Amino acid sequence: MNNQIKSFLKSEDGAVTVDWVVLTAAVVSLAVVAIFAIQGSTDDVGDGVGTYLTDSTAGSM
């Protein structure tokens, strides 16, 4: 029984999975930060395009 416990504690089979989980969490966090960073700018651009299209008449472009 002691040998099985020692073998289990020395095993590194799940270490790669833990690394991938941490790396994936970091990438997702960076993506969320990037989305929030550019969200305000894209809203302003969208409002500007909407205003331009609303003020223009068909056929004058």
Protein backbone atom coordinates (compact mmCIF):
# COMPACT_ATOMS: atom_id res chain seq x y z
CA MET A 1 0.00 0.00 0.00
CA ASN A 2 2.84 2.40 0.85
CA ASN A 3 4.49 1.70 -2.51
CA GLN A 4 1.30 2.64 -4.36
CA ILE A 5 1.02 5.91 -2.44
CA LYS A 6 4.66 6.77 -3.09
CA SER A 7 4.24 5.95 -6.76
CA PHE A 8 1.14 8.13 -6.96
CA LEU A 9 2.89 11.08 -5.33
CA LYS A 10 5.89 10.80 -7.67
CA SER A 11 3.73 10.59 -10.79
CA GLU A 12 3.73 13.67 -13.03
CA ASP A 13 0.99 12.65 -15.46
CA GLY A 14 -1.36 15.55 -14.63
CA ALA A 15 1.29 18.28 -14.62
CA VAL A 16 0.86 19.06 -18.33
CA THR A 17 -2.88 19.46 -17.90
CA VAL A 18 -2.38 21.96 -15.11
CA ASP A 19 0.07 23.92 -17.27
CA TRP A 20 -2.45 24.07 -20.13
CA VAL A 21 -5.24 25.21 -17.82
CA VAL A 22 -3.10 28.04 -16.48
CA LEU A 23 -1.94 29.09 -19.95
CA THR A 24 -5.48 29.00 -21.33
CA ALA A 25 -6.75 31.10 -18.44
CA ALA A 26 -4.01 33.65 -19.10
CA VAL A 27 -4.86 33.88 -22.82
CA VAL A 28 -8.58 34.27 -22.12
CA SER A 29 -7.87 36.95 -19.52
CA LEU A 30 -5.71 38.90 -21.96
CA ALA A 31 -8.40 38.64 -24.64
CA VAL A 32 -11.05 39.99 -22.26
CA VAL A 33 -8.81 42.90 -21.28
CA ALA A 34 -8.15 43.69 -24.94
CA ILE A 35 -11.86 43.62 -25.77
CA PHE A 36 -12.70 46.02 -22.96
CA ALA A 37 -9.80 48.29 -23.97
CA ILE A 38 -11.04 48.77 -27.55
CA GLN A 39 -14.78 48.63 -26.87
CA GLY A 40 -15.16 52.37 -26.22
CA SER A 41 -13.29 53.31 -29.40
CA THR A 42 -15.36 51.02 -31.58
CA ASP A 43 -18.57 52.41 -30.09
CA ASP A 44 -17.45 55.93 -31.06
CA VAL A 45 -16.60 54.83 -34.60
CA GLY A 46 -19.94 53.07 -34.93
CA ASP A 47 -21.80 56.16 -33.74
CA GLY A 48 -19.89 58.30 -36.25
CA VAL A 49 -20.72 55.97 -39.14
CA GLY A 50 -24.36 55.84 -38.07
CA THR A 51 -24.57 59.63 -37.94
CA TYR A 52 -22.93 59.97 -41.36
CA LEU A 53 -25.31 57.47 -42.93
CA THR A 54 -28.33 59.08 -41.29
CA ASP A 55 -27.40 62.56 -42.51
CA SER A 56 -26.61 61.53 -46.09
CA THR A 57 -29.23 61.03 -48.79
CA ALA A 58 -29.40 58.10 -51.20
CA GLY A 59 -27.80 58.81 -54.55
CA SER A 60 -25.51 61.58 -53.30
CA MET A 61 -22.64 59.24 -52.51
